[in-house]
Amino acid sequence: MSATCTHLDSVKVTTLPAAIRGCEECLATGGVWVHLRMCESCGRIGCCDSSPGRHASRHAASAHHPIARSAEPGEHWSWCFVDETPVTPNPS
């Protein structure tokens, strides 16, 4: 049995910004990132859990914003941090 996301009502932002400079917190602190994620509740750009700062998942936990999507070019998927599952249907 696969897990299902129960937080689709939190999705407010699905379109990536036209230009993304990088992880907002890493840019502010001089940190580095591996991949970028966008919070689908508020649009904040953070780094993935493979990055030292893990800012996307930290933001999800502290702001109670459960779903983030990949902000990487060509990637079209979302993840629910709370339910630990891919989000379907996938916001575009």
N, C-alpha and C. Protein backbone atom coordinates (compact mmCIF):
# COMPACT_ATOMS: atom_id res chain seq x y z
N MET A 1 0.85 -1.19 0.00
CA MET A 1 0.00 0.00 0.00
C MET A 1 0.89 1.24 0.00
N SER A 2 0.65 2.13 -0.92
CA SER A 2 1.46 3.34 -1.00
C SER A 2 0.83 4.46 -0.19
N ALA A 3 1.71 5.34 0.31
CA ALA A 3 1.25 6.48 1.09
C ALA A 3 0.61 7.50 0.18
N THR A 4 -0.29 8.28 0.74
CA THR A 4 -0.98 9.34 0.00
C THR A 4 -0.78 10.66 0.74
N CYS A 5 -0.55 11.72 -0.01
CA CYS A 5 -0.41 13.04 0.60
C CYS A 5 -1.78 13.54 1.03
N THR A 6 -1.84 14.01 2.25
CA THR A 6 -3.09 14.54 2.80
C THR A 6 -3.05 16.07 2.94
N HIS A 7 -2.10 16.71 2.24
CA HIS A 7 -1.89 18.14 2.42
C HIS A 7 -2.06 18.95 1.14
N LEU A 8 -2.76 18.41 0.16
CA LEU A 8 -2.93 19.13 -1.11
C LEU A 8 -3.61 20.48 -0.94
N ASP A 9 -4.38 20.65 0.12
CA ASP A 9 -5.04 21.94 0.35
C ASP A 9 -4.05 23.04 0.70
N SER A 10 -2.81 22.70 1.02
CA SER A 10 -1.79 23.71 1.35
C SER A 10 -1.12 24.29 0.11
N VAL A 11 -1.32 23.68 -1.04
CA VAL A 11 -0.67 24.14 -2.28
C VAL A 11 -1.30 25.46 -2.74
N LYS A 12 -0.46 26.49 -2.80
CA LYS A 12 -0.90 27.81 -3.24
C LYS A 12 -0.06 28.30 -4.43
N VAL A 13 1.19 27.86 -4.52
CA VAL A 13 2.14 28.30 -5.54
C VAL A 13 2.65 27.07 -6.28
N THR A 14 2.42 26.99 -7.58
CA THR A 14 2.90 25.84 -8.34
C THR A 14 3.87 26.22 -9.46
N THR A 15 3.91 27.47 -9.84
CA THR A 15 4.75 27.92 -10.94
C THR A 15 6.07 28.46 -10.40
N LEU A 16 7.15 27.96 -10.96
CA LEU A 16 8.47 28.44 -10.55
C LEU A 16 8.67 29.88 -11.01
N PRO A 17 9.44 30.66 -10.26
CA PRO A 17 9.76 32.01 -10.71
C PRO A 17 10.58 31.96 -12.00
N ALA A 18 10.52 33.01 -12.79
CA ALA A 18 11.25 33.05 -14.06
C ALA A 18 12.76 32.93 -13.84
N ALA A 19 13.26 33.55 -12.80
CA ALA A 19 14.69 33.49 -12.49
C ALA A 19 14.87 33.05 -11.04
N ILE A 20 15.75 32.09 -10.84
CA ILE A 20 16.05 31.62 -9.48
C ILE A 20 17.55 31.78 -9.27
N ARG A 21 17.92 32.61 -8.31
CA ARG A 21 19.34 32.84 -8.03
C ARG A 21 19.96 31.69 -7.26
N GLY A 22 19.17 31.03 -6.43
CA GLY A 22 19.69 29.94 -5.61
C GLY A 22 18.88 29.82 -4.33
N CYS A 23 19.37 29.02 -3.40
CA CYS A 23 18.73 28.86 -2.10
C CYS A 23 18.80 30.19 -1.36
N GLU A 24 17.65 30.69 -0.94
CA GLU A 24 17.59 32.01 -0.30
C GLU A 24 18.48 32.08 0.94
N GLU A 25 18.46 31.06 1.78
CA GLU A 25 19.27 31.09 3.01
C GLU A 25 20.75 30.90 2.71
N CYS A 26 21.08 30.02 1.77
CA CYS A 26 22.49 29.83 1.41
C CYS A 26 23.08 31.11 0.82
N LEU A 27 22.30 31.81 -0.02
CA LEU A 27 22.77 33.07 -0.58
C LEU A 27 23.03 34.09 0.52
N ALA A 28 22.18 34.10 1.54
CA ALA A 28 22.32 35.07 2.63
C ALA A 28 23.51 34.76 3.54
N THR A 29 23.87 33.47 3.64
CA THR A 29 24.93 33.07 4.57
C THR A 29 26.22 32.64 3.89
N GLY A 30 26.24 32.62 2.57
CA GLY A 30 27.43 32.17 1.86
C GLY A 30 27.52 30.66 1.75
N GLY A 31 26.40 29.98 1.97
CA GLY A 31 26.38 28.52 1.88
C GLY A 31 26.33 28.03 0.45
N VAL A 32 26.39 26.71 0.32
CA VAL A 32 26.33 26.07 -1.00
C VAL A 32 25.17 25.08 -1.02
N TRP A 33 24.71 24.78 -2.22
CA TRP A 33 23.59 23.84 -2.34
C TRP A 33 23.87 22.86 -3.47
N VAL A 34 23.11 21.75 -3.45
CA VAL A 34 23.22 20.74 -4.49
C VAL A 34 22.07 20.90 -5.48
N HIS A 35 20.83 20.85 -4.99
CA HIS A 35 19.64 21.02 -5.81
C HIS A 35 18.68 21.95 -5.10
N LEU A 36 17.77 22.55 -5.86
CA LEU A 36 16.83 23.52 -5.29
C LEU A 36 15.41 22.99 -5.28
N ARG A 37 14.65 23.42 -4.28
CA ARG A 37 13.24 23.08 -4.12
C ARG A 37 12.46 24.37 -3.88
N MET A 38 11.18 24.36 -4.29
CA MET A 38 10.31 25.52 -4.06
C MET A 38 9.14 25.09 -3.17
N CYS A 39 8.91 25.83 -2.10
CA CYS A 39 7.77 25.59 -1.23
C CYS A 39 6.50 25.91 -2.01
N GLU A 40 5.56 24.98 -2.02
CA GLU A 40 4.32 25.21 -2.76
C GLU A 40 3.26 25.91 -1.92
N SER A 41 3.59 26.27 -0.69
CA SER A 41 2.69 27.10 0.10
C SER A 41 3.01 28.58 -0.07
N CYS A 42 4.33 28.92 -0.13
CA CYS A 42 4.69 30.34 -0.17
C CYS A 42 5.68 30.70 -1.27
N GLY A 43 6.25 29.72 -1.96
CA GLY A 43 7.17 30.01 -3.05
C GLY A 43 8.63 30.15 -2.66
N ARG A 44 8.96 29.98 -1.38
CA ARG A 44 10.35 30.11 -0.92
C ARG A 44 11.23 29.07 -1.61
N ILE A 45 12.41 29.49 -2.04
CA ILE A 45 13.37 28.59 -2.66
C ILE A 45 14.40 28.17 -1.61
N GLY A 46 14.54 26.85 -1.45
CA GLY A 46 15.50 26.31 -0.49
C GLY A 46 16.28 25.16 -1.11
N CYS A 47 17.30 24.73 -0.42
CA CYS A 47 18.14 23.64 -0.93
C CYS A 47 17.64 22.28 -0.44
N CYS A 48 18.01 21.25 -1.19
CA CYS A 48 17.54 19.89 -0.92
C CYS A 48 18.26 19.27 0.29
N ASP A 49 17.82 18.09 0.67
CA ASP A 49 18.41 17.41 1.82
C ASP A 49 19.80 16.84 1.54
N SER A 50 20.25 16.84 0.29
CA SER A 50 21.63 16.46 -0.03
C SER A 50 22.58 17.65 0.15
N SER A 51 22.03 18.82 0.35
CA SER A 51 22.82 20.04 0.58
C SER A 51 23.12 20.16 2.07
N PRO A 52 24.23 20.82 2.42
CA PRO A 52 24.58 20.95 3.84
C PRO A 52 23.49 21.62 4.69
N GLY A 53 22.83 22.66 4.15
CA GLY A 53 21.85 23.40 4.94
C GLY A 53 20.49 22.75 5.05
N ARG A 54 20.13 21.91 4.09
CA ARG A 54 18.82 21.26 4.07
C ARG A 54 17.69 22.28 4.31
N HIS A 55 17.79 23.44 3.67
CA HIS A 55 16.87 24.55 3.96
C HIS A 55 15.43 24.31 3.52
N ALA A 56 15.20 23.53 2.47
CA ALA A 56 13.81 23.29 2.04
C ALA A 56 13.06 22.49 3.10
N SER A 57 13.64 21.42 3.60
CA SER A 57 12.94 20.62 4.61
C SER A 57 12.88 21.35 5.95
N ARG A 58 13.89 22.14 6.26
CA ARG A 58 13.84 22.93 7.51
C ARG A 58 12.71 23.96 7.44
N HIS A 59 12.56 24.59 6.27
CA HIS A 59 11.47 25.54 6.08
C HIS A 59 10.12 24.83 6.21
N ALA A 60 10.00 23.66 5.59
CA ALA A 60 8.75 22.90 5.66
C ALA A 60 8.37 22.63 7.11
N ALA A 61 9.35 22.23 7.92
CA ALA A 61 9.08 21.91 9.32
C ALA A 61 8.76 23.16 10.15
N SER A 62 9.54 24.22 9.97
CA SER A 62 9.34 25.39 10.82
C SER A 62 8.12 26.21 10.43
N ALA A 63 7.81 26.27 9.14
CA ALA A 63 6.68 27.08 8.67
C ALA A 63 5.39 26.26 8.53
N HIS A 64 5.50 24.95 8.74
CA HIS A 64 4.35 24.05 8.56
C HIS A 64 3.81 24.13 7.14
N HIS A 65 4.74 24.16 6.18
CA HIS A 65 4.43 24.16 4.75
C HIS A 65 4.90 22.81 4.22
N PRO A 66 4.02 21.84 4.06
CA PRO A 66 4.42 20.45 3.85
C PRO A 66 4.93 20.06 2.47
N ILE A 67 4.57 20.77 1.40
CA ILE A 67 4.88 20.30 0.06
C ILE A 67 5.85 21.23 -0.65
N ALA A 68 6.86 20.61 -1.27
CA ALA A 68 7.82 21.35 -2.08
C ALA A 68 7.94 20.66 -3.43
N ARG A 69 8.27 21.43 -4.45
CA ARG A 69 8.51 20.85 -5.76
C ARG A 69 9.96 21.09 -6.14
N SER A 70 10.45 20.29 -7.05
CA SER A 70 11.79 20.49 -7.57
C SER A 70 11.83 21.82 -8.32
N ALA A 71 12.90 22.55 -8.11
CA ALA A 71 13.11 23.80 -8.85
C ALA A 71 14.24 23.60 -9.86
N GLU A 72 14.56 22.35 -10.15
CA GLU A 72 15.60 22.05 -11.11
C GLU A 72 15.03 22.05 -12.53
N PRO A 73 15.78 22.56 -13.49
CA PRO A 73 15.31 22.58 -14.88
C PRO A 73 14.96 21.17 -15.37
N GLY A 74 13.80 21.05 -15.99
CA GLY A 74 13.37 19.78 -16.56
C GLY A 74 12.75 18.80 -15.58
N GLU A 75 12.75 19.12 -14.29
CA GLU A 75 12.15 18.23 -13.29
C GLU A 75 10.76 18.74 -12.94
N HIS A 76 9.80 17.82 -12.89
CA HIS A 76 8.41 18.19 -12.62
C HIS A 76 7.83 17.23 -11.59
N TRP A 77 8.27 17.35 -10.34
CA TRP A 77 7.75 16.49 -9.29
C TRP A 77 7.67 17.29 -7.99
N SER A 78 6.81 16.80 -7.10
CA SER A 78 6.63 17.42 -5.78
C SER A 78 6.74 16.35 -4.71
N TRP A 79 7.02 16.79 -3.48
CA TRP A 79 7.21 15.87 -2.36
C TRP A 79 6.52 16.44 -1.12
N CYS A 80 5.82 15.57 -0.40
CA CYS A 80 5.23 15.97 0.88
C CYS A 80 6.16 15.52 1.99
N PHE A 81 6.73 16.48 2.70
CA PHE A 81 7.65 16.18 3.80
C PHE A 81 6.94 15.51 4.96
N VAL A 82 5.70 15.85 5.21
CA VAL A 82 4.95 15.29 6.34
C VAL A 82 4.59 13.83 6.08
N ASP A 83 3.99 13.57 4.92
CA ASP A 83 3.57 12.20 4.60
C ASP A 83 4.69 11.38 3.97
N GLU A 84 5.82 12.01 3.70
CA GLU A 84 6.99 11.35 3.10
C GLU A 84 6.61 10.56 1.86
N THR A 85 5.99 11.28 0.91
CA THR A 85 5.52 10.64 -0.31
C THR A 85 5.52 11.63 -1.47
N PRO A 86 5.68 11.13 -2.69
CA PRO A 86 5.50 12.00 -3.83
C PRO A 86 4.06 12.52 -3.87
N VAL A 87 3.88 13.72 -4.39
CA VAL A 87 2.56 14.30 -4.47
C VAL A 87 1.98 14.04 -5.86
N THR A 88 0.77 13.53 -5.88
CA THR A 88 0.05 13.26 -7.13
C THR A 88 -1.36 13.78 -6.96
N PRO A 89 -1.95 14.50 -7.88
CA PRO A 89 -1.34 14.85 -9.16
C PRO A 89 -0.23 15.85 -8.99
N ASN A 90 0.72 15.80 -9.87
CA ASN A 90 1.91 16.65 -9.80
C ASN A 90 1.59 18.05 -10.31
N PRO A 91 1.76 19.09 -9.46
CA PRO A 91 1.57 20.45 -9.94
C PRO A 91 2.59 20.76 -11.03
N SER A 92 2.18 21.52 -12.02
CA SER A 92 3.11 21.83 -13.12
C SER A 92 3.72 23.20 -12.97
